[in-house]
Amino acid sequence: MKEILSLLISPLIFLLLFLYLKYRYPQGHFKLFFKAFGLGLMMAIPVIIADQVAHYLNLDGAISIRRMFMYSFVFVGFIFELSKFIPLATKIIKHHSFNGVPDGIIYTLAISTGITTLYAIYYQYFGLKVPGDEIYMLVIGPMNTLLAVILGFFAGMGKIRNNRFIDSMTGLGAASFLHGLFRFTLLSNDPMFFYLVAGGILFIAMILLRKSLTTPPESY
């Protein structure tokens, strides 16, 4: 049952987000939203390849602290967030309907759920099982949702302020580091460490989400 549940979490997050947007904007057009999800499915491929490379290099798993750092922060954190950022920066932000910070968060969420939907299937059936994987499979969807809020906030803010490079790199760097830290906590098999990191990421995401909803675009 847990195996099936872990595979349904990301699609469910996407569906709930779509239903909310449909309710909020009944006359809205959602072609770009579904395109973002499709791009996310495609960008799961480099994430899967990176995981295979890490396995080939014997970097995955809790073998040593140095290998755990390399795997967590480079092969998981950076590659995962870069795979969200590339379609966002090259296909989504440039679209005429992209209007700022809330859009940055929404479309990054769509991309993120696309990636984690396919990646969860891969990891469940083909990934090498390491310490903390049972928890990892259950939280990969929600945690990537929170990280998408962070990345999307800064990407959207960059377009509003016409300072896209610096703000985007800030978001990419922050999301990559936090993603890597999140993966490292699970590999270290330290529940208290995991709860502290997860709580910190939730706190940051909630602050940025609130700011995106309450600050007028022109104030950026």
C-alpha atoms as a PDB file:
ATOM      1  CA  MET A   1       0.000   0.000   0.000  1.00  0.00           C
ATOM      2  CA  LYS A   2       2.826   2.404   0.881  1.00  0.00           C
ATOM      3  CA  GLU A   3       4.454   1.589  -2.465  1.00  0.00           C
ATOM      4  CA  ILE A   4       1.368   2.684  -4.406  1.00  0.00           C
ATOM      5  CA  LEU A   5       0.806   5.706  -2.166  1.00  0.00           C
ATOM      6  CA  SER A   6       4.334   6.975  -2.765  1.00  0.00           C
ATOM      7  CA  LEU A   7       3.744   6.882  -6.530  1.00  0.00           C
ATOM      8  CA  LEU A   8       0.437   8.766  -6.289  1.00  0.00           C
ATOM      9  CA  ILE A   9       1.582  11.684  -4.113  1.00  0.00           C
ATOM     10  CA  SER A  10       3.119  13.857  -6.851  1.00  0.00           C
ATOM     11  CA  PRO A  11       0.279  13.368  -9.391  1.00  0.00           C
ATOM     12  CA  LEU A  12      -2.172  14.152  -6.591  1.00  0.00           C
ATOM     13  CA  ILE A  13      -0.331  17.369  -5.739  1.00  0.00           C
ATOM     14  CA  PHE A  14      -0.496  18.371  -9.410  1.00  0.00           C
ATOM     15  CA  LEU A  15      -4.203  17.539  -9.615  1.00  0.00           C
ATOM     16  CA  LEU A  16      -5.024  19.492  -6.452  1.00  0.00           C
ATOM     17  CA  LEU A  17      -3.054  22.480  -7.717  1.00  0.00           C
ATOM     18  CA  PHE A  18      -4.905  22.359 -11.046  1.00  0.00           C
ATOM     19  CA  LEU A  19      -8.316  22.107  -9.328  1.00  0.00           C
ATOM     20  CA  TYR A  20      -7.428  25.083  -7.147  1.00  0.00           C
ATOM     21  CA  LEU A  21      -6.387  27.151 -10.170  1.00  0.00           C
ATOM     22  CA  LYS A  22      -9.493  26.072 -12.079  1.00  0.00           C
ATOM     23  CA  TYR A  23     -11.637  27.169  -9.142  1.00  0.00           C
ATOM     24  CA  ARG A  24      -9.736  30.438  -8.719  1.00  0.00           C
ATOM     25  CA  TYR A  25      -9.653  31.246 -12.433  1.00  0.00           C
ATOM     26  CA  PRO A  26     -12.648  29.499 -14.057  1.00  0.00           C
ATOM     27  CA  GLN A  27     -12.077  31.295 -17.368  1.00  0.00           C
ATOM     28  CA  GLY A  28      -8.333  30.777 -17.303  1.00  0.00           C
ATOM     29  CA  HIS A  29      -6.215  29.001 -19.910  1.00  0.00           C
ATOM     30  CA  PHE A  30      -4.030  26.203 -18.586  1.00  0.00           C
ATOM     31  CA  LYS A  31      -2.096  25.135 -21.653  1.00  0.00           C
ATOM     32  CA  LEU A  32       1.186  26.497 -20.281  1.00  0.00           C
ATOM     33  CA  PHE A  33       0.504  24.836 -16.926  1.00  0.00           C
ATOM     34  CA  PHE A  34       0.158  21.394 -18.524  1.00  0.00           C
ATOM     35  CA  LYS A  35       3.139  22.121 -20.751  1.00  0.00           C
ATOM     36  CA  ALA A  36       5.192  22.775 -17.612  1.00  0.00           C
ATOM     37  CA  PHE A  37       4.128  19.385 -16.222  1.00  0.00           C
ATOM     38  CA  GLY A  38       5.078  17.694 -19.501  1.00  0.00           C
ATOM     39  CA  LEU A  39       8.471  19.405 -19.487  1.00  0.00           C
ATOM     40  CA  GLY A  40       8.921  18.121 -15.952  1.00  0.00           C
ATOM     41  CA  LEU A  41       8.291  14.565 -17.110  1.00  0.00           C
ATOM     42  CA  MET A  42      10.970  15.028 -19.766  1.00  0.00           C
ATOM     43  CA  MET A  43      13.439  16.565 -17.317  1.00  0.00           C
ATOM     44  CA  ALA A  44      13.144  13.506 -15.077  1.00  0.00           C
ATOM     45  CA  ILE A  45      15.393  11.777 -17.605  1.00  0.00           C
ATOM     46  CA  PRO A  46      18.622  13.655 -16.700  1.00  0.00           C
ATOM     47  CA  VAL A  47      17.788  13.171 -13.011  1.00  0.00           C
ATOM     48  CA  ILE A  48      17.480   9.421 -13.583  1.00  0.00           C
ATOM     49  CA  ILE A  49      20.706   9.385 -15.606  1.00  0.00           C
ATOM     50  CA  ALA A  50      22.516  11.243 -12.807  1.00  0.00           C
ATOM     51  CA  ASP A  51      21.319   8.641 -10.315  1.00  0.00           C
ATOM     52  CA  GLN A  52      22.594   5.862 -12.559  1.00  0.00           C
ATOM     53  CA  VAL A  53      25.969   7.593 -12.925  1.00  0.00           C
ATOM     54  CA  ALA A  54      26.202   8.003  -9.145  1.00  0.00           C
ATOM     55  CA  HIS A  55      25.487   4.300  -8.758  1.00  0.00           C
ATOM     56  CA  TYR A  56      28.114   3.429 -11.378  1.00  0.00           C
ATOM     57  CA  LEU A  57      30.674   5.578  -9.531  1.00  0.00           C
ATOM     58  CA  ASN A  58      29.622   3.957  -6.252  1.00  0.00           C
ATOM     59  CA  LEU A  59      28.684   7.316  -4.763  1.00  0.00           C
ATOM     60  CA  ASP A  60      25.125   6.541  -3.661  1.00  0.00           C
ATOM     61  CA  GLY A  61      24.394   5.072  -0.268  1.00  0.00           C
ATOM     62  CA  ALA A  62      25.835   5.761   3.157  1.00  0.00           C
ATOM     63  CA  ILE A  63      29.324   4.429   2.464  1.00  0.00           C
ATOM     64  CA  SER A  64      31.312   7.448   3.664  1.00  0.00           C
ATOM     65  CA  ILE A  65      30.638  11.069   4.609  1.00  0.00           C
ATOM     66  CA  ARG A  66      32.477  12.375   1.540  1.00  0.00           C
ATOM     67  CA  ARG A  67      30.481  10.175  -0.830  1.00  0.00           C
ATOM     68  CA  MET A  68      27.257  11.052   0.953  1.00  0.00           C
ATOM     69  CA  PHE A  69      28.005  14.762   0.453  1.00  0.00           C
ATOM     70  CA  MET A  70      28.854  14.285  -3.223  1.00  0.00           C
ATOM     71  CA  TYR A  71      25.753  12.211  -3.887  1.00  0.00           C
ATOM     72  CA  SER A  72      23.370  14.384  -1.854  1.00  0.00           C
ATOM     73  CA  PHE A  73      24.465  17.850  -2.919  1.00  0.00           C
ATOM     74  CA  VAL A  74      25.640  17.256  -6.507  1.00  0.00           C
ATOM     75  CA  PHE A  75      23.901  14.194  -7.946  1.00  0.00           C
ATOM     76  CA  VAL A  76      20.604  14.804  -6.164  1.00  0.00           C
ATOM     77  CA  GLY A  77      20.286  18.422  -4.980  1.00  0.00           C
ATOM     78  CA  PHE A  78      21.950  20.268  -7.835  1.00  0.00           C
ATOM     79  CA  ILE A  79      20.840  18.004 -10.696  1.00  0.00           C
ATOM     80  CA  PHE A  80      17.251  17.874  -9.442  1.00  0.00           C
ATOM     81  CA  GLU A  81      16.923  21.646  -9.062  1.00  0.00           C
ATOM     82  CA  LEU A  82      18.778  22.382 -12.293  1.00  0.00           C
ATOM     83  CA  SER A  83      16.329  20.080 -14.081  1.00  0.00           C
ATOM     84  CA  LYS A  84      13.475  22.209 -12.728  1.00  0.00           C
ATOM     85  CA  PHE A  85      15.236  25.452 -13.550  1.00  0.00           C
ATOM     86  CA  ILE A  86      16.161  24.755 -17.200  1.00  0.00           C
ATOM     87  CA  PRO A  87      12.596  24.434 -18.596  1.00  0.00           C
ATOM     88  CA  LEU A  88      11.431  27.243 -16.328  1.00  0.00           C
ATOM     89  CA  ALA A  89      14.109  29.619 -17.618  1.00  0.00           C
ATOM     90  CA  THR A  90      14.062  28.586 -21.268  1.00  0.00           C
ATOM     91  CA  LYS A  91      10.391  27.844 -21.958  1.00  0.00           C
ATOM     92  CA  ILE A  92       8.129  29.232 -19.236  1.00  0.00           C
ATOM     93  CA  ILE A  93       9.452  32.592 -18.034  1.00  0.00           C
ATOM     94  CA  LYS A  94       9.712  33.924 -21.589  1.00  0.00           C
ATOM     95  CA  HIS A  95       6.030  33.262 -22.266  1.00  0.00           C
ATOM     96  CA  HIS A  96       3.854  36.390 -22.527  1.00  0.00           C
ATOM     97  CA  SER A  97       1.405  35.060 -19.916  1.00  0.00           C
ATOM     98  CA  PHE A  98       4.079  34.743 -17.239  1.00  0.00           C
ATOM     99  CA  ASN A  99       3.373  37.665 -14.917  1.00  0.00           C
ATOM    100  CA  GLY A 100       5.631  37.426 -11.913  1.00  0.00           C
ATOM    101  CA  VAL A 101       6.282  35.727  -8.596  1.00  0.00           C
ATOM    102  CA  PRO A 102       3.023  33.734  -8.127  1.00  0.00           C
ATOM    103  CA  ASP A 103       3.363  32.432 -11.686  1.00  0.00           C
ATOM    104  CA  GLY A 104       6.976  31.493 -10.984  1.00  0.00           C
ATOM    105  CA  ILE A 105       5.856  29.353  -8.058  1.00  0.00           C
ATOM    106  CA  ILE A 106       2.893  27.781  -9.885  1.00  0.00           C
ATOM    107  CA  TYR A 107       4.827  26.761 -12.989  1.00  0.00           C
ATOM    108  CA  THR A 108       7.814  25.524 -10.990  1.00  0.00           C
ATOM    109  CA  LEU A 109       5.400  23.402  -8.969  1.00  0.00           C
ATOM    110  CA  ALA A 110       4.020  21.931 -12.193  1.00  0.00           C
ATOM    111  CA  ILE A 111       7.532  21.151 -13.450  1.00  0.00           C
ATOM    112  CA  SER A 112       8.498  19.680 -10.089  1.00  0.00           C
ATOM    113  CA  THR A 113       5.503  17.348  -9.902  1.00  0.00           C
ATOM    114  CA  GLY A 114       6.259  16.161 -13.425  1.00  0.00           C
ATOM    115  CA  ILE A 115       9.828  15.284 -12.485  1.00  0.00           C
ATOM    116  CA  THR A 116       8.934  13.573  -9.222  1.00  0.00           C
ATOM    117  CA  THR A 117       6.066  11.616 -10.800  1.00  0.00           C
ATOM    118  CA  LEU A 118       8.377   9.824 -13.228  1.00  0.00           C
ATOM    119  CA  TYR A 119      11.380   9.748 -10.899  1.00  0.00           C
ATOM    120  CA  ALA A 120       9.351   8.088  -8.129  1.00  0.00           C
ATOM    121  CA  ILE A 121       8.387   5.281 -10.497  1.00  0.00           C
ATOM    122  CA  TYR A 122      12.008   4.826 -11.525  1.00  0.00           C
ATOM    123  CA  TYR A 123      13.355   4.905  -7.989  1.00  0.00           C
ATOM    124  CA  GLN A 124      10.684   2.617  -6.593  1.00  0.00           C
ATOM    125  CA  TYR A 125      11.371  -0.176  -9.076  1.00  0.00           C
ATOM    126  CA  PHE A 126      14.904   0.394 -10.373  1.00  0.00           C
ATOM    127  CA  GLY A 127      16.757   2.562  -7.847  1.00  0.00           C
ATOM    128  CA  LEU A 128      19.334   1.117  -5.467  1.00  0.00           C
ATOM    129  CA  LYS A 129      17.774   0.982  -2.004  1.00  0.00           C
ATOM    130  CA  VAL A 130      19.762   2.852   0.647  1.00  0.00           C
ATOM    131  CA  PRO A 131      19.064   3.879   4.282  1.00  0.00           C
ATOM    132  CA  GLY A 132      16.012   6.111   4.678  1.00  0.00           C
ATOM    133  CA  ASP A 133      14.423   5.183   1.333  1.00  0.00           C
ATOM    134  CA  GLU A 134      11.027   4.286   2.791  1.00  0.00           C
ATOM    135  CA  ILE A 135      10.710   7.819   4.149  1.00  0.00           C
ATOM    136  CA  TYR A 136      12.324   9.278   1.012  1.00  0.00           C
ATOM    137  CA  MET A 137       9.670   7.809  -1.258  1.00  0.00           C
ATOM    138  CA  LEU A 138       6.876   9.259   0.882  1.00  0.00           C
ATOM    139  CA  VAL A 139       8.316  12.762   1.210  1.00  0.00           C
ATOM    140  CA  ILE A 140       9.973  13.277  -2.185  1.00  0.00           C
ATOM    141  CA  GLY A 141       6.776  14.799  -3.605  1.00  0.00           C
ATOM    142  CA  PRO A 142       5.928  17.166  -0.723  1.00  0.00           C
ATOM    143  CA  MET A 143       9.559  18.168  -0.170  1.00  0.00           C
ATOM    144  CA  ASN A 144      10.075  18.979  -3.843  1.00  0.00           C
ATOM    145  CA  THR A 145       6.878  21.013  -3.702  1.00  0.00           C
ATOM    146  CA  LEU A 146       8.369  23.171  -0.956  1.00  0.00           C
ATOM    147  CA  LEU A 147      11.657  23.499  -2.828  1.00  0.00           C
ATOM    148  CA  ALA A 148       9.741  24.473  -5.976  1.00  0.00           C
ATOM    149  CA  VAL A 149       8.205  27.361  -4.027  1.00  0.00           C
ATOM    150  CA  ILE A 150      11.706  28.627  -3.179  1.00  0.00           C
ATOM    151  CA  LEU A 151      13.063  28.271  -6.714  1.00  0.00           C
ATOM    152  CA  GLY A 152       9.900  29.667  -8.316  1.00  0.00           C
ATOM    153  CA  PHE A 153       9.775  32.673  -5.990  1.00  0.00           C
ATOM    154  CA  PHE A 154      13.239  33.887  -6.927  1.00  0.00           C
ATOM    155  CA  ALA A 155      12.777  33.084 -10.620  1.00  0.00           C
ATOM    156  CA  GLY A 156       9.560  35.109 -10.708  1.00  0.00           C
ATOM    157  CA  MET A 157      11.091  37.926  -8.711  1.00  0.00           C
ATOM    158  CA  GLY A 158      13.975  38.089 -11.173  1.00  0.00           C
ATOM    159  CA  LYS A 159      11.625  38.778 -14.063  1.00  0.00           C
ATOM    160  CA  ILE A 160       9.711  41.461 -12.166  1.00  0.00           C
ATOM    161  CA  ARG A 161      12.910  43.245 -11.114  1.00  0.00           C
ATOM    162  CA  ASN A 162      14.619  42.717 -14.476  1.00  0.00           C
ATOM    163  CA  ASN A 163      17.418  41.099 -12.511  1.00  0.00           C
ATOM    164  CA  ARG A 164      16.818  37.597 -13.736  1.00  0.00           C
ATOM    165  CA  PHE A 165      20.345  36.170 -13.548  1.00  0.00           C
ATOM    166  CA  ILE A 166      21.176  37.097  -9.946  1.00  0.00           C
ATOM    167  CA  ASP A 167      17.742  36.252  -8.547  1.00  0.00           C
ATOM    168  CA  SER A 168      17.523  33.005 -10.516  1.00  0.00           C
ATOM    169  CA  MET A 169      20.980  31.913  -9.363  1.00  0.00           C
ATOM    170  CA  THR A 170      19.997  32.765  -5.788  1.00  0.00           C
ATOM    171  CA  GLY A 171      16.915  30.577  -6.070  1.00  0.00           C
ATOM    172  CA  LEU A 172      18.797  27.758  -7.799  1.00  0.00           C
ATOM    173  CA  GLY A 173      21.593  27.858  -5.245  1.00  0.00           C
ATOM    174  CA  ALA A 174      19.258  27.943  -2.242  1.00  0.00           C
ATOM    175  CA  ALA A 175      16.984  25.177  -3.555  1.00  0.00           C
ATOM    176  CA  SER A 176      19.974  22.986  -4.527  1.00  0.00           C
ATOM    177  CA  PHE A 177      21.603  23.354  -1.123  1.00  0.00           C
ATOM    178  CA  LEU A 178      18.398  22.664   0.802  1.00  0.00           C
ATOM    179  CA  HIS A 179      17.565  19.705  -1.445  1.00  0.00           C
ATOM    180  CA  GLY A 180      21.030  18.272  -0.900  1.00  0.00           C
ATOM    181  CA  LEU A 181      20.746  18.807   2.844  1.00  0.00           C
ATOM    182  CA  PHE A 182      17.365  17.098   2.861  1.00  0.00           C
ATOM    183  CA  ARG A 183      18.785  14.041   1.038  1.00  0.00           C
ATOM    184  CA  PHE A 184      21.820  13.989   3.313  1.00  0.00           C
ATOM    185  CA  THR A 185      19.641  13.859   6.438  1.00  0.00           C
ATOM    186  CA  LEU A 186      17.934  10.715   5.163  1.00  0.00           C
ATOM    187  CA  LEU A 187      21.217   9.042   4.260  1.00  0.00           C
ATOM    188  CA  SER A 188      22.591   9.865   7.694  1.00  0.00           C
ATOM    189  CA  ASN A 189      19.562   8.098   9.218  1.00  0.00           C
ATOM    190  CA  ASP A 190      19.173  10.792  11.877  1.00  0.00           C
ATOM    191  CA  PRO A 191      15.431  11.472  12.455  1.00  0.00           C
ATOM    192  CA  MET A 192      15.981  14.624  14.531  1.00  0.00           C
ATOM    193  CA  PHE A 193      18.274  16.081  11.856  1.00  0.00           C
ATOM    194  CA  PHE A 194      15.653  15.312   9.221  1.00  0.00           C
ATOM    195  CA  TYR A 195      12.826  16.945  11.194  1.00  0.00           C
ATOM    196  CA  LEU A 196      14.894  20.094  11.764  1.00  0.00           C
ATOM    197  CA  VAL A 197      15.797  20.400   8.073  1.00  0.00           C
ATOM    198  CA  ALA A 198      12.255  19.596   6.891  1.00  0.00           C
ATOM    199  CA  GLY A 199      10.835  22.130   9.339  1.00  0.00           C
ATOM    200  CA  GLY A 200      13.308  24.755   8.181  1.00  0.00           C
ATOM    201  CA  ILE A 201      12.451  24.203   4.512  1.00  0.00           C
ATOM    202  CA  LEU A 202       8.730  24.376   5.320  1.00  0.00           C
ATOM    203  CA  PHE A 203       9.237  27.617   7.245  1.00  0.00           C
ATOM    204  CA  ILE A 204      11.214  29.250   4.408  1.00  0.00           C
ATOM    205  CA  ALA A 205       8.704  28.116   1.771  1.00  0.00           C
ATOM    206  CA  MET A 206       5.760  29.458   3.772  1.00  0.00           C
ATOM    207  CA  ILE A 207       7.429  32.847   4.234  1.00  0.00           C
ATOM    208  CA  LEU A 208       8.173  33.142   0.509  1.00  0.00           C
ATOM    209  CA  LEU A 209       4.692  31.936  -0.448  1.00  0.00           C
ATOM    210  CA  ARG A 210       3.104  34.530   1.820  1.00  0.00           C
ATOM    211  CA  LYS A 211       5.353  37.241   0.433  1.00  0.00           C
ATOM    212  CA  SER A 212       4.469  36.296  -3.137  1.00  0.00           C
ATOM    213  CA  LEU A 213       0.757  36.630  -2.371  1.00  0.00           C
ATOM    214  CA  THR A 214       0.843  39.824  -0.350  1.00  0.00           C
ATOM    215  CA  THR A 215       3.470  41.993  -2.063  1.00  0.00           C
ATOM    216  CA  PRO A 216       2.309  43.867  -5.189  1.00  0.00           C
ATOM    217  CA  PRO A 217       4.488  43.120  -8.245  1.00  0.00           C
ATOM    218  CA  GLU A 218       5.483  46.770  -8.664  1.00  0.00           C
ATOM    219  CA  SER A 219       7.089  46.783  -5.217  1.00  0.00           C
ATOM    220  CA  TYR A 220       9.767  44.394  -6.397  1.00  0.00           C
END
